[in-house]
């Protein structure tokens, strides 16, 4: 049997690689969105400006409106892709911070789950600053934090 030449990355290397990929994706998509918006704006100004000076060109506004509907949909899709890539990059930034021990004070501390009748919770650092909850919690919603 042949041995596979599989190399394993450390979690830190993997996080750095994914963060670099997501950052590059954000830059690429942002550049694409900016170009798209500039082109859309140029076409709008061109058609509206031309129709202002030529009364017979007012009919050009109708195809412009029809063309703008898919353009707005495409612009929203690009915006959502940028948001998704930004969230992924933020996830990898936080994971890298946990690996490098830079996580203390960053994120939810879970103090709202600490009750007065839990005597040992302070000693065990379950909730609060630099707690186990703060280290583990990557939840973005209150339902996710409640579940954890």
Protein backbone atom coordinates (compact mmCIF):
# COMPACT_ATOMS: atom_id res chain seq x y z
CA UNK A 1 0.00 0.00 0.00
CA UNK A 2 1.12 3.51 -0.69
CA UNK A 3 1.49 5.95 2.13
CA UNK A 4 -0.44 9.13 1.62
CA UNK A 5 1.45 12.40 1.63
CA UNK A 6 -1.13 14.11 3.77
CA UNK A 7 0.18 17.00 5.79
CA UNK A 8 -1.84 18.30 8.66
CA UNK A 9 -2.03 21.95 9.54
CA UNK A 10 -2.07 23.19 13.05
CA UNK A 11 -5.28 24.94 14.11
CA UNK A 12 -3.41 28.25 14.14
CA UNK A 13 -2.17 27.78 10.57
CA UNK A 14 -5.63 26.76 9.45
CA UNK A 15 -7.23 29.83 11.07
CA UNK A 16 -4.64 32.12 9.53
CA UNK A 17 -5.19 30.58 6.10
CA UNK A 18 -8.97 30.84 6.35
CA UNK A 19 -8.73 34.41 7.62
CA UNK A 20 -6.50 35.35 4.70
CA UNK A 21 -8.92 33.70 2.26
CA UNK A 22 -11.94 35.48 3.74
CA UNK A 23 -10.13 38.83 3.83
CA UNK A 24 -9.15 38.45 0.17
CA UNK A 25 -12.74 37.51 -0.66
CA UNK A 26 -14.06 40.59 1.13
CA UNK A 27 -11.65 42.83 -0.78
CA UNK A 28 -12.51 41.18 -4.10
CA UNK A 29 -16.26 41.42 -3.54
CA UNK A 30 -16.03 45.01 -2.26
CA UNK A 31 -14.07 46.02 -5.34
CA UNK A 32 -16.63 44.27 -7.56
CA UNK A 33 -19.51 45.98 -5.75
CA UNK A 34 -17.87 49.42 -6.04
CA UNK A 35 -17.32 48.95 -9.78
CA UNK A 36 -20.91 47.78 -10.21
CA UNK A 37 -22.33 50.76 -8.32
CA UNK A 38 -20.20 53.20 -10.34
CA UNK A 39 -21.37 51.67 -13.63
CA UNK A 40 -25.00 51.71 -12.49
CA UNK A 41 -24.71 55.32 -11.38
CA UNK A 42 -23.08 56.32 -14.70
CA UNK A 43 -25.90 54.73 -16.72
CA UNK A 44 -28.56 56.41 -14.60
CA UNK A 45 -26.93 59.82 -14.95
CA UNK A 46 -26.44 59.30 -18.68
CA UNK A 47 -30.05 58.34 -19.38
CA UNK A 48 -31.59 60.96 -17.09
CA UNK A 49 -29.24 63.67 -18.35
CA UNK A 50 -29.96 62.80 -21.99
CA UNK A 51 -33.72 62.69 -21.43
CA UNK A 52 -33.64 66.12 -19.76
CA UNK A 53 -32.23 67.75 -22.91
CA UNK A 54 -34.17 65.70 -25.46
CA UNK A 55 -37.92 65.32 -24.97
CA UNK A 56 -38.10 62.35 -27.34
CA UNK A 57 -35.58 60.45 -25.21
CA UNK A 58 -37.95 60.34 -22.25
CA UNK A 59 -38.92 56.83 -23.32
CA UNK A 60 -35.40 55.71 -22.39
CA UNK A 61 -36.39 56.01 -18.74
CA UNK A 62 -38.72 53.00 -19.04
CA UNK A 63 -35.95 50.52 -20.04
CA UNK A 64 -33.75 52.11 -17.39
CA UNK A 65 -36.29 51.32 -14.67
CA UNK A 66 -36.68 47.78 -16.01
CA UNK A 67 -32.89 47.37 -16.04
CA UNK A 68 -32.55 48.73 -12.50
CA UNK A 69 -34.67 45.99 -10.91
CA UNK A 70 -32.19 43.15 -11.59
CA UNK A 71 -29.32 45.54 -10.87
CA UNK A 72 -30.67 46.22 -7.38
CA UNK A 73 -31.14 42.48 -6.81
CA UNK A 74 -27.54 41.83 -7.90
CA UNK A 75 -26.26 44.64 -5.69
CA UNK A 76 -28.10 43.17 -2.68
CA UNK A 77 -26.66 39.72 -3.40
CA UNK A 78 -23.15 41.14 -3.51
CA UNK A 79 -23.80 42.95 -0.23
CA UNK A 80 -25.00 39.74 1.41
CA UNK A 81 -21.95 37.85 0.16
CA UNK A 82 -19.69 40.54 1.64
CA UNK A 83 -21.55 40.33 4.96
CA UNK A 84 -21.25 36.54 5.00
CA UNK A 85 -17.53 36.68 4.24
CA UNK A 86 -17.06 39.35 6.92
CA UNK A 87 -18.80 37.15 9.50
CA UNK A 88 -16.59 34.22 8.53
CA UNK A 89 -13.48 36.39 8.83
CA UNK A 90 -14.63 37.61 12.25
CA UNK A 91 -15.14 33.99 13.35
CA UNK A 92 -11.57 33.14 12.34
CA UNK A 93 -10.22 36.31 14.01
CA UNK A 94 -11.84 35.28 17.29
CA UNK A 95 -10.64 31.67 16.91
CA UNK A 96 -7.10 32.92 16.31
CA UNK A 97 -7.37 35.18 19.37
CA UNK A 98 -8.40 32.17 21.48
CA UNK A 99 -5.46 30.14 20.14
CA UNK A 100 -3.02 32.99 20.87
CA UNK A 101 -4.53 33.70 24.33
CA UNK A 102 -5.73 37.16 23.35
CA UNK A 103 -9.39 36.33 24.08
CA UNK A 104 -9.69 37.73 27.60
CA UNK A 105 -12.16 40.60 27.72
CA UNK A 106 -13.34 39.97 24.18
CA UNK A 107 -16.88 38.67 23.73
CA UNK A 108 -19.76 37.83 26.01
CA UNK A 109 -18.93 37.23 29.66
CA UNK A 110 -22.23 35.53 30.59
CA UNK A 111 -22.70 37.45 33.83
CA UNK A 112 -26.47 37.48 33.24
CA UNK A 113 -26.48 33.70 33.87
CA UNK A 114 -24.72 34.03 37.24
CA UNK A 115 -27.11 33.81 40.17
CA UNK A 116 -26.45 34.58 43.82
CA UNK A 117 -27.24 31.05 45.02
CA UNK A 118 -24.38 29.47 43.03
CA UNK A 119 -21.61 29.55 45.59
CA UNK A 120 -18.73 28.06 43.61
CA UNK A 121 -19.35 29.75 40.24
CA UNK A 122 -16.98 32.63 41.07
CA UNK A 123 -14.22 30.27 42.18
CA UNK A 124 -14.52 28.13 39.05
CA UNK A 125 -14.61 31.15 36.70
CA UNK A 126 -17.64 29.79 34.85
CA UNK A 127 -19.04 33.27 34.14
CA UNK A 128 -17.50 36.73 34.10
CA UNK A 129 -14.36 38.25 32.64
CA UNK A 130 -11.75 35.64 31.58
CA UNK A 131 -14.28 32.87 32.26
CA UNK A 132 -14.94 29.54 30.62
CA UNK A 133 -18.13 30.99 29.11
CA UNK A 134 -16.20 33.85 27.52
CA UNK A 135 -13.63 31.43 26.13
CA UNK A 136 -16.18 29.05 24.62
CA UNK A 137 -18.98 31.37 23.52
CA UNK A 138 -19.00 32.15 19.81
CA UNK A 139 -22.78 32.53 19.69
CA UNK A 140 -24.13 35.52 17.81
CA UNK A 141 -27.66 35.44 19.22
CA UNK A 142 -29.17 35.39 22.69
CA UNK A 143 -30.76 31.99 21.93
CA UNK A 144 -27.32 30.60 21.16
CA UNK A 145 -25.88 32.04 24.37
CA UNK A 146 -28.82 30.65 26.36
CA UNK A 147 -28.20 27.23 24.86
CA UNK A 148 -24.53 27.30 25.79
